Amino acid sequence: MCERLGAGRLTAIDRSPQMVEAATRRNGAHLDKAEFLVRHLEDLDLGERQFDKVFAVRVGLFDRERERAHLLVDPWLAPGGTVRAFFDPPTRTR
């Protein structure tokens, strides 16, 4: 995604330190326009920031409690901003 940002910025959030570490490594060439934070959505404080787009990928809260999840992210949406949630259960390998 970082390659497509143009002048934009990416803020990526995951509750797993391992996932954030992996994302930071994969996007090392783009750290000037991306940040990767270890946080739980319920505890997230982004201050006055506003976002044009919020993507929630495999965020269980958006699947289990959609309305609550939207209430948590709505304060950070810029006017006209959108939220897109994508959820598919992880596949298990043997």
Protein backbone atom coordinates (compact mmCIF):
# COMPACT_ATOMS: atom_id res chain seq x y z
CA MET A 1 0.00 0.00 0.00
CA CYS A 2 2.85 2.40 0.78
CA GLU A 3 3.88 2.51 -2.89
CA ARG A 4 0.46 3.92 -3.79
CA LEU A 5 0.25 6.66 -1.17
CA GLY A 6 1.65 9.49 -3.22
CA ALA A 7 1.75 12.41 -0.81
CA GLY A 8 -0.39 10.56 1.74
CA ARG A 9 0.63 8.87 4.98
CA LEU A 10 -0.16 5.47 6.42
CA THR A 11 -0.85 4.70 10.06
CA ALA A 12 -1.08 0.95 10.63
CA ILE A 13 -2.26 -0.49 13.94
CA ASP A 14 -2.21 -4.05 15.22
CA ARG A 15 -2.42 -5.48 18.70
CA SER A 16 0.33 -7.98 17.92
CA PRO A 17 3.94 -6.81 18.36
CA GLN A 18 5.04 -9.57 15.98
CA MET A 19 2.70 -8.39 13.22
CA VAL A 20 3.79 -4.77 13.65
CA GLU A 21 7.43 -5.81 13.55
CA ALA A 22 6.85 -7.81 10.36
CA ALA A 23 4.96 -4.94 8.70
CA THR A 24 7.70 -2.49 9.66
CA ARG A 25 10.33 -4.78 8.10
CA ARG A 26 8.29 -5.29 4.91
CA ASN A 27 7.80 -1.55 4.51
CA GLY A 28 11.25 -0.39 5.61
CA ALA A 29 11.72 1.66 2.44
CA HIS A 30 8.61 3.71 3.24
CA LEU A 31 9.06 4.60 6.90
CA ASP A 32 9.20 8.27 5.94
CA LYS A 33 5.46 8.13 5.18
CA ALA A 34 4.30 5.22 7.31
CA GLU A 35 4.07 4.39 10.98
CA PHE A 36 3.25 1.08 12.60
CA LEU A 37 1.77 1.05 16.10
CA VAL A 38 1.14 -1.75 18.59
CA ARG A 39 -2.26 -0.90 20.07
CA HIS A 40 -5.69 -2.34 20.78
CA LEU A 41 -8.47 -0.52 18.94
CA GLU A 42 -10.38 -0.07 22.18
CA ASP A 43 -7.40 1.69 23.80
CA LEU A 44 -6.29 3.69 20.77
CA ASP A 45 -5.77 7.44 21.18
CA LEU A 46 -4.77 9.25 18.00
CA GLY A 47 -5.53 12.71 19.34
CA GLU A 48 -6.85 15.12 16.74
CA ARG A 49 -5.70 13.12 13.70
CA GLN A 50 -8.16 12.57 10.90
CA PHE A 51 -8.08 9.99 8.13
CA ASP A 52 -9.64 9.89 4.68
CA LYS A 53 -9.73 6.11 4.65
CA VAL A 54 -9.75 3.47 7.35
CA PHE A 55 -9.19 -0.15 6.33
CA ALA A 56 -9.90 -2.82 8.92
CA VAL A 57 -8.50 -6.14 7.75
CA ARG A 58 -9.30 -9.18 9.88
CA VAL A 59 -10.25 -7.00 12.84
CA GLY A 60 -12.58 -9.31 14.74
CA LEU A 61 -14.42 -6.44 16.39
CA PHE A 62 -15.71 -5.30 12.98
CA ASP A 63 -17.12 -8.79 12.47
CA ARG A 64 -18.51 -9.36 15.98
CA GLU A 65 -19.60 -5.83 16.97
CA ARG A 66 -19.72 -3.76 13.80
CA GLU A 67 -21.58 -0.82 15.30
CA ARG A 68 -19.23 -0.56 18.29
CA ALA A 69 -16.18 -0.80 16.02
CA HIS A 70 -17.45 2.06 13.87
CA LEU A 71 -18.11 4.17 16.94
CA LEU A 72 -14.47 3.68 17.94
CA VAL A 73 -13.04 4.83 14.59
CA ASP A 74 -15.60 7.48 13.58
CA PRO A 75 -13.94 10.27 15.62
CA TRP A 76 -10.83 9.97 13.41
CA LEU A 77 -12.63 10.13 10.08
CA ALA A 78 -12.14 13.31 8.09
CA PRO A 79 -15.30 14.79 6.55
CA GLY A 80 -16.25 12.46 3.72
CA GLY A 81 -13.92 9.76 5.09
CA THR A 82 -14.79 6.10 4.67
CA VAL A 83 -14.34 2.87 6.61
CA ARG A 84 -13.90 -0.42 4.81
CA ALA A 85 -13.83 -3.63 6.83
CA PHE A 86 -12.62 -6.92 5.38
CA PHE A 87 -12.94 -10.06 7.42
CA ASP A 88 -12.35 -13.65 6.52
CA PRO A 89 -11.41 -16.24 9.08
CA PRO A 90 -7.75 -17.29 8.82
CA THR A 91 -7.27 -20.65 7.16
CA ARG A 92 -5.71 -23.39 9.22
CA THR A 93 -2.84 -25.36 7.85
CA ARG A 94 -1.82 -28.76 9.07
